[in-house]
């Protein structure tokens, strides 16, 4: 496999379309799933399938363990834009209309995802939510 800087020209047309805050995560997913930049003898065009694979973000709604003082589990469904958070007190909340950027920022903010991302970007900004458990 080539070093990262050697892969960038092949993937540049895709990279420039991504939000700045998510580029590193998307690149990691993209390179691991598609092998972007590996010499296969094919053209240098990025296929629609490769773009769709890079767009996969979240857990398809499945809750995953979160390293946090007050959050036990969280999940994100990119198709419905719903983020689910289970707090350590057992309460479960769903947040509606959550962007993939907020989800990736939440995951990256461990061990303080709620105080750094959840509360300021979900609660204080007025994202609609409902207690579901």
N, C-alpha and C. Protein backbone atom coordinates (compact mmCIF):
# COMPACT_ATOMS: atom_id res chain seq x y z
N UNK A 1 0.85 -1.18 0.00
CA UNK A 1 0.00 0.00 0.00
C UNK A 1 0.89 1.24 0.00
N UNK A 2 0.46 2.24 -0.75
CA UNK A 2 1.22 3.49 -0.85
C UNK A 2 1.05 4.33 0.41
N UNK A 3 2.00 5.23 0.71
CA UNK A 3 1.80 6.15 1.83
C UNK A 3 0.63 7.09 1.52
N UNK A 4 0.05 7.67 2.59
CA UNK A 4 -1.14 8.51 2.46
C UNK A 4 -0.96 9.63 1.44
N UNK A 5 0.18 10.32 1.45
CA UNK A 5 0.35 11.44 0.53
C UNK A 5 0.32 11.00 -0.92
N UNK A 6 0.70 9.76 -1.19
CA UNK A 6 0.67 9.25 -2.55
C UNK A 6 -0.76 8.89 -2.98
N UNK A 7 -1.65 8.65 -2.03
CA UNK A 7 -3.02 8.30 -2.34
C UNK A 7 -3.89 9.51 -2.61
N UNK A 8 -3.50 10.66 -2.09
CA UNK A 8 -4.35 11.83 -2.17
C UNK A 8 -4.69 12.27 -3.59
N UNK A 9 -3.75 12.28 -4.55
CA UNK A 9 -4.14 12.72 -5.89
C UNK A 9 -5.27 11.88 -6.48
N UNK A 10 -5.24 10.59 -6.27
CA UNK A 10 -6.27 9.69 -6.81
C UNK A 10 -7.63 10.02 -6.19
N UNK A 11 -7.66 10.44 -4.95
CA UNK A 11 -8.91 10.65 -4.24
C UNK A 11 -9.28 12.12 -4.11
N UNK A 12 -8.52 13.02 -4.70
CA UNK A 12 -8.72 14.45 -4.49
C UNK A 12 -10.13 14.90 -4.85
N UNK A 13 -10.68 14.39 -5.95
CA UNK A 13 -12.01 14.85 -6.35
C UNK A 13 -13.05 14.51 -5.31
N UNK A 14 -12.86 13.46 -4.54
CA UNK A 14 -13.79 13.11 -3.48
C UNK A 14 -13.51 13.95 -2.23
N UNK A 15 -12.26 14.12 -1.89
CA UNK A 15 -11.88 14.82 -0.66
C UNK A 15 -12.42 16.24 -0.64
N UNK A 16 -12.34 16.95 -1.75
CA UNK A 16 -12.76 18.35 -1.76
C UNK A 16 -14.26 18.50 -1.55
N UNK A 17 -15.03 17.43 -1.68
CA UNK A 17 -16.48 17.50 -1.48
C UNK A 17 -16.88 17.26 -0.03
N UNK A 18 -15.95 16.88 0.83
CA UNK A 18 -16.29 16.52 2.20
C UNK A 18 -16.18 17.71 3.13
N UNK A 19 -17.00 17.76 4.20
CA UNK A 19 -16.87 18.82 5.19
C UNK A 19 -15.52 18.69 5.90
N UNK A 20 -14.89 19.81 6.18
CA UNK A 20 -13.55 19.79 6.78
C UNK A 20 -13.46 18.98 8.06
N UNK A 21 -14.48 19.05 8.91
CA UNK A 21 -14.42 18.36 10.19
C UNK A 21 -14.48 16.85 10.06
N UNK A 22 -14.91 16.36 8.92
CA UNK A 22 -15.08 14.92 8.76
C UNK A 22 -14.07 14.29 7.81
N UNK A 23 -13.17 15.07 7.22
CA UNK A 23 -12.28 14.53 6.20
C UNK A 23 -11.45 13.37 6.71
N UNK A 24 -10.84 13.48 7.88
CA UNK A 24 -9.98 12.40 8.37
C UNK A 24 -10.75 11.11 8.57
N UNK A 25 -11.94 11.20 9.15
CA UNK A 25 -12.75 9.99 9.36
C UNK A 25 -13.16 9.38 8.03
N UNK A 26 -13.64 10.20 7.11
CA UNK A 26 -14.06 9.68 5.82
C UNK A 26 -12.90 9.05 5.06
N UNK A 27 -11.73 9.69 5.13
CA UNK A 27 -10.56 9.12 4.45
C UNK A 27 -10.20 7.75 5.02
N UNK A 28 -10.21 7.64 6.33
CA UNK A 28 -9.87 6.35 6.95
C UNK A 28 -10.85 5.28 6.51
N UNK A 29 -12.13 5.59 6.53
CA UNK A 29 -13.15 4.63 6.09
C UNK A 29 -12.97 4.32 4.61
N UNK A 30 -12.78 5.36 3.83
CA UNK A 30 -12.66 5.19 2.38
C UNK A 30 -11.47 4.32 2.01
N UNK A 31 -10.30 4.61 2.59
CA UNK A 31 -9.11 3.84 2.24
C UNK A 31 -9.24 2.39 2.68
N UNK A 32 -9.85 2.17 3.85
CA UNK A 32 -9.96 0.80 4.33
C UNK A 32 -10.99 0.00 3.54
N UNK A 33 -12.07 0.64 3.10
CA UNK A 33 -13.13 -0.08 2.39
C UNK A 33 -12.79 -0.26 0.91
N UNK A 34 -12.33 0.81 0.27
CA UNK A 34 -12.20 0.78 -1.18
C UNK A 34 -10.79 0.53 -1.68
N UNK A 35 -9.79 0.71 -0.82
CA UNK A 35 -8.42 0.57 -1.30
C UNK A 35 -8.05 1.68 -2.25
N UNK A 36 -8.66 2.84 -2.08
CA UNK A 36 -8.39 3.98 -2.96
C UNK A 36 -6.89 4.22 -3.05
N UNK A 37 -6.40 4.34 -4.27
CA UNK A 37 -4.99 4.63 -4.47
C UNK A 37 -4.15 3.41 -4.77
N UNK A 38 -4.67 2.23 -4.50
CA UNK A 38 -3.90 1.04 -4.81
C UNK A 38 -3.88 0.85 -6.31
N UNK A 39 -2.77 0.41 -6.81
CA UNK A 39 -2.63 0.23 -8.25
C UNK A 39 -3.36 -1.04 -8.67
N UNK A 40 -4.43 -0.85 -9.43
CA UNK A 40 -5.21 -1.99 -9.89
C UNK A 40 -5.31 -2.01 -11.40
N UNK A 41 -4.74 -1.01 -12.06
CA UNK A 41 -4.82 -0.95 -13.50
C UNK A 41 -6.08 -0.30 -14.00
N UNK A 42 -6.96 0.13 -13.10
CA UNK A 42 -8.20 0.77 -13.52
C UNK A 42 -7.99 2.27 -13.65
N UNK A 43 -9.02 2.96 -14.14
CA UNK A 43 -8.91 4.40 -14.34
C UNK A 43 -8.83 5.12 -13.00
N UNK A 44 -8.48 6.40 -13.07
CA UNK A 44 -8.34 7.20 -11.86
C UNK A 44 -9.64 7.85 -11.43
N UNK A 45 -10.75 7.59 -12.10
CA UNK A 45 -12.02 8.19 -11.70
C UNK A 45 -12.57 7.51 -10.46
N UNK A 46 -13.15 8.32 -9.57
CA UNK A 46 -13.82 7.80 -8.39
C UNK A 46 -15.21 7.35 -8.83
N UNK A 47 -15.58 6.13 -8.49
CA UNK A 47 -16.88 5.61 -8.90
C UNK A 47 -17.97 6.03 -7.92
N UNK A 48 -19.20 5.98 -8.36
CA UNK A 48 -20.34 6.30 -7.49
C UNK A 48 -20.39 5.36 -6.31
N UNK A 49 -20.05 4.09 -6.51
CA UNK A 49 -20.04 3.11 -5.44
C UNK A 49 -19.03 3.51 -4.36
N UNK A 50 -17.86 3.98 -4.78
CA UNK A 50 -16.84 4.40 -3.81
C UNK A 50 -17.33 5.61 -3.01
N UNK A 51 -18.01 6.52 -3.65
CA UNK A 51 -18.54 7.70 -2.95
C UNK A 51 -19.60 7.27 -1.94
N UNK A 52 -20.47 6.34 -2.31
CA UNK A 52 -21.49 5.87 -1.39
C UNK A 52 -20.86 5.18 -0.19
N UNK A 53 -19.80 4.40 -0.40
CA UNK A 53 -19.16 3.71 0.70
C UNK A 53 -18.54 4.70 1.68
N UNK A 54 -17.98 5.78 1.18
CA UNK A 54 -17.40 6.80 2.05
C UNK A 54 -18.48 7.48 2.86
N UNK A 55 -19.67 7.60 2.32
CA UNK A 55 -20.75 8.29 2.99
C UNK A 55 -21.32 7.52 4.18
N UNK A 56 -20.95 6.27 4.32
CA UNK A 56 -21.49 5.47 5.42
C UNK A 56 -20.93 5.99 6.73
N UNK A 57 -21.81 6.50 7.56
CA UNK A 57 -21.44 7.04 8.86
C UNK A 57 -22.48 6.57 9.86
N UNK A 58 -22.03 6.26 11.05
CA UNK A 58 -22.96 5.91 12.09
C UNK A 58 -22.97 4.42 12.38
N UNK A 59 -24.01 4.01 13.08
CA UNK A 59 -24.11 2.64 13.55
C UNK A 59 -25.39 1.98 13.09
N UNK A 60 -26.06 2.59 12.09
CA UNK A 60 -27.36 2.11 11.62
C UNK A 60 -28.36 1.99 12.76
N UNK A 61 -28.24 2.88 13.74
CA UNK A 61 -29.14 2.92 14.87
C UNK A 61 -28.76 2.03 16.04
N UNK A 62 -27.81 1.13 15.83
CA UNK A 62 -27.36 0.26 16.93
C UNK A 62 -26.60 1.09 17.96
N UNK A 63 -26.83 0.80 19.23
CA UNK A 63 -26.14 1.52 20.29
C UNK A 63 -24.78 0.86 20.55
N UNK A 64 -23.77 1.70 20.68
CA UNK A 64 -22.42 1.21 20.96
C UNK A 64 -21.92 1.83 22.26
N UNK A 65 -21.00 1.15 22.95
CA UNK A 65 -20.46 1.70 24.20
C UNK A 65 -19.70 3.00 23.95
N UNK A 66 -19.89 3.94 24.87
CA UNK A 66 -19.23 5.24 24.80
C UNK A 66 -18.40 5.42 26.06
N UNK A 67 -17.18 5.90 25.89
CA UNK A 67 -16.32 6.20 27.03
C UNK A 67 -16.69 7.60 27.53
N UNK A 68 -17.37 7.65 28.68
CA UNK A 68 -17.89 8.91 29.18
C UNK A 68 -18.28 8.76 30.65
N UNK A 69 -18.31 9.88 31.36
CA UNK A 69 -18.75 9.87 32.75
C UNK A 69 -20.27 9.71 32.86
N UNK A 70 -21.02 10.21 31.88
CA UNK A 70 -22.48 10.18 32.01
C UNK A 70 -23.22 9.52 30.85
N UNK A 71 -22.53 9.13 29.78
CA UNK A 71 -23.17 8.45 28.65
C UNK A 71 -22.69 7.01 28.62
N UNK A 72 -23.64 6.07 28.58
CA UNK A 72 -23.31 4.64 28.53
C UNK A 72 -23.19 4.15 27.09
N UNK A 73 -24.22 4.46 26.28
CA UNK A 73 -24.29 3.96 24.90
C UNK A 73 -24.80 5.08 24.00
N UNK A 74 -24.46 5.00 22.72
CA UNK A 74 -24.99 5.95 21.74
C UNK A 74 -25.00 5.29 20.38
N UNK A 75 -25.85 5.79 19.51
CA UNK A 75 -25.93 5.27 18.15
C UNK A 75 -26.43 6.35 17.22
N UNK A 76 -26.20 6.13 15.93
CA UNK A 76 -26.61 7.11 14.94
C UNK A 76 -27.08 6.40 13.68
N UNK A 77 -28.23 6.80 13.19
CA UNK A 77 -28.76 6.27 11.94
C UNK A 77 -28.70 7.38 10.91
N UNK A 78 -27.77 7.28 9.97
CA UNK A 78 -27.58 8.33 8.96
C UNK A 78 -28.76 8.44 8.01
N UNK A 79 -29.50 7.36 7.82
CA UNK A 79 -30.63 7.42 6.88
C UNK A 79 -31.80 8.22 7.45
N UNK A 80 -31.95 8.24 8.77
CA UNK A 80 -33.05 9.00 9.39
C UNK A 80 -32.56 10.23 10.15
N UNK A 81 -31.24 10.37 10.27
CA UNK A 81 -30.62 11.47 11.01
C UNK A 81 -31.01 11.47 12.49
N UNK A 82 -31.19 10.27 13.05
CA UNK A 82 -31.56 10.13 14.45
C UNK A 82 -30.35 9.64 15.24
N UNK A 83 -30.04 10.36 16.30
CA UNK A 83 -28.97 9.97 17.22
C UNK A 83 -29.64 9.57 18.53
N UNK A 84 -29.27 8.40 19.03
CA UNK A 84 -29.83 7.88 20.27
C UNK A 84 -28.74 7.86 21.33
N UNK A 85 -29.07 8.33 22.53
CA UNK A 85 -28.10 8.38 23.62
C UNK A 85 -28.73 7.74 24.85
N UNK A 86 -28.03 6.76 25.42
CA UNK A 86 -28.45 6.20 26.70
C UNK A 86 -27.47 6.70 27.76
N UNK A 87 -28.02 7.37 28.75
CA UNK A 87 -27.20 7.90 29.83
C UNK A 87 -26.98 6.82 30.89
N UNK A 88 -26.01 7.03 31.75
CA UNK A 88 -25.71 6.04 32.79
C UNK A 88 -26.83 5.90 33.81
N UNK A 89 -27.75 6.87 33.87
CA UNK A 89 -28.89 6.75 34.77
C UNK A 89 -29.99 5.86 34.15
N UNK A 90 -29.75 5.36 32.93
CA UNK A 90 -30.68 4.46 32.25
C UNK A 90 -31.61 5.12 31.27
N UNK A 91 -31.78 6.44 31.34
CA UNK A 91 -32.68 7.14 30.43
C UNK A 91 -32.12 7.12 29.00
N UNK A 92 -33.02 6.96 28.03
CA UNK A 92 -32.64 6.94 26.62
C UNK A 92 -33.37 8.08 25.92
N UNK A 93 -32.62 8.85 25.14
CA UNK A 93 -33.17 9.97 24.38
C UNK A 93 -32.83 9.81 22.91
N UNK A 94 -33.77 10.22 22.05
CA UNK A 94 -33.52 10.30 20.62
C UNK A 94 -33.49 11.76 20.22
N UNK A 95 -32.52 12.11 19.39
CA UNK A 95 -32.35 13.47 18.88
C UNK A 95 -32.57 13.41 17.38
N UNK A 96 -33.40 14.32 16.86
CA UNK A 96 -33.85 14.25 15.48
C UNK A 96 -33.22 15.35 14.62
N UNK A 97 -32.84 14.97 13.39
CA UNK A 97 -32.23 15.94 12.47
C UNK A 97 -30.77 16.19 12.77
N UNK A 98 -30.08 15.19 13.31
CA UNK A 98 -28.68 15.34 13.70
C UNK A 98 -27.79 15.06 12.49
N UNK A 99 -26.90 15.99 12.20
CA UNK A 99 -25.99 15.80 11.06
C UNK A 99 -24.92 14.77 11.37
N UNK A 100 -24.36 14.19 10.34
CA UNK A 100 -23.27 13.23 10.50
C UNK A 100 -22.05 13.89 11.15
N UNK A 101 -21.86 15.18 10.91
CA UNK A 101 -20.74 15.90 11.53
C UNK A 101 -20.87 15.92 13.05
N UNK A 102 -22.09 16.11 13.54
CA UNK A 102 -22.28 16.12 14.99
C UNK A 102 -21.98 14.73 15.56
N UNK A 103 -22.46 13.68 14.88
CA UNK A 103 -22.17 12.31 15.34
C UNK A 103 -20.67 12.04 15.38
N UNK A 104 -19.96 12.37 14.31
CA UNK A 104 -18.52 12.09 14.29
C UNK A 104 -17.79 12.93 15.32
N UNK A 105 -18.24 14.15 15.55
CA UNK A 105 -17.64 14.99 16.59
C UNK A 105 -17.91 14.40 17.97
N UNK A 106 -19.12 13.88 18.18
CA UNK A 106 -19.49 13.26 19.45
C UNK A 106 -18.58 12.07 19.75
N UNK A 107 -18.39 11.21 18.78
CA UNK A 107 -17.53 10.03 18.95
C UNK A 107 -16.08 10.46 19.20
N UNK A 108 -15.62 11.44 18.47
CA UNK A 108 -14.24 11.90 18.61
C UNK A 108 -13.98 12.60 19.94
N UNK A 109 -15.03 13.09 20.60
CA UNK A 109 -14.87 13.85 21.84
C UNK A 109 -14.75 12.97 23.09
N UNK A 110 -14.75 11.65 22.92
CA UNK A 110 -14.60 10.78 24.09
C UNK A 110 -13.26 11.06 24.77
N UNK A 111 -13.22 11.14 26.07
CA UNK A 111 -14.13 10.69 27.09
C UNK A 111 -15.13 11.75 27.58
N UNK A 112 -15.26 12.86 26.90
CA UNK A 112 -16.20 13.91 27.32
C UNK A 112 -17.17 14.28 26.21
N UNK A 113 -17.83 13.31 25.58
CA UNK A 113 -18.66 13.65 24.42
C UNK A 113 -19.89 14.48 24.76
N UNK A 114 -20.47 14.27 25.92
CA UNK A 114 -21.69 15.01 26.23
C UNK A 114 -21.39 16.47 26.54
N UNK A 115 -20.39 16.72 27.37
CA UNK A 115 -20.10 18.11 27.74
C UNK A 115 -19.48 18.89 26.58
N UNK A 116 -18.73 18.23 25.71
CA UNK A 116 -18.07 18.94 24.61
C UNK A 116 -18.93 19.05 23.35
N UNK A 117 -19.78 18.06 23.10
CA UNK A 117 -20.56 18.05 21.86
C UNK A 117 -22.05 17.90 22.13
N UNK A 118 -22.43 16.88 22.88
CA UNK A 118 -23.85 16.57 23.08
C UNK A 118 -24.66 17.73 23.62
N UNK A 119 -24.30 18.23 24.78
CA UNK A 119 -25.07 19.31 25.38
C UNK A 119 -25.03 20.59 24.54
N UNK A 120 -23.83 21.07 24.15
CA UNK A 120 -23.84 22.33 23.40
C UNK A 120 -24.47 22.23 22.00
N UNK A 121 -24.25 21.12 21.29
CA UNK A 121 -24.72 21.04 19.90
C UNK A 121 -26.10 20.39 19.75
N UNK A 122 -26.54 19.67 20.75
CA UNK A 122 -27.86 19.05 20.67
C UNK A 122 -28.87 19.83 21.51
N UNK A 123 -28.59 19.98 22.78
CA UNK A 123 -29.56 20.59 23.69
C UNK A 123 -29.59 22.11 23.53
N UNK A 124 -28.47 22.76 23.69
CA UNK A 124 -28.45 24.23 23.65
C UNK A 124 -28.81 24.80 22.28
N UNK A 125 -28.54 24.05 21.22
CA UNK A 125 -28.88 24.58 19.90
C UNK A 125 -30.30 24.27 19.49
N UNK A 126 -31.03 23.55 20.34
CA UNK A 126 -32.45 23.34 20.11
C UNK A 126 -32.81 22.18 19.18
N UNK A 127 -31.95 21.20 19.05
CA UNK A 127 -32.26 20.01 18.25
C UNK A 127 -33.47 19.31 18.91
N UNK A 128 -34.49 18.97 18.13
CA UNK A 128 -35.65 18.29 18.71
C UNK A 128 -35.27 16.93 19.29
N UNK A 129 -35.86 16.59 20.42
CA UNK A 129 -35.55 15.31 21.05
C UNK A 129 -36.75 14.79 21.81
N UNK A 130 -36.66 13.51 22.18
CA UNK A 130 -37.73 12.88 22.96
C UNK A 130 -37.11 11.79 23.81
N UNK A 131 -37.59 11.68 25.03
CA UNK A 131 -37.18 10.57 25.91
C UNK A 131 -37.96 9.33 25.46
N UNK A 132 -37.23 8.25 25.18
CA UNK A 132 -37.88 7.03 24.68
C UNK A 132 -37.70 5.84 25.64
N UNK A 133 -37.00 6.04 26.70
CA UNK A 133 -36.78 4.95 27.64
C UNK A 133 -36.25 5.43 28.96
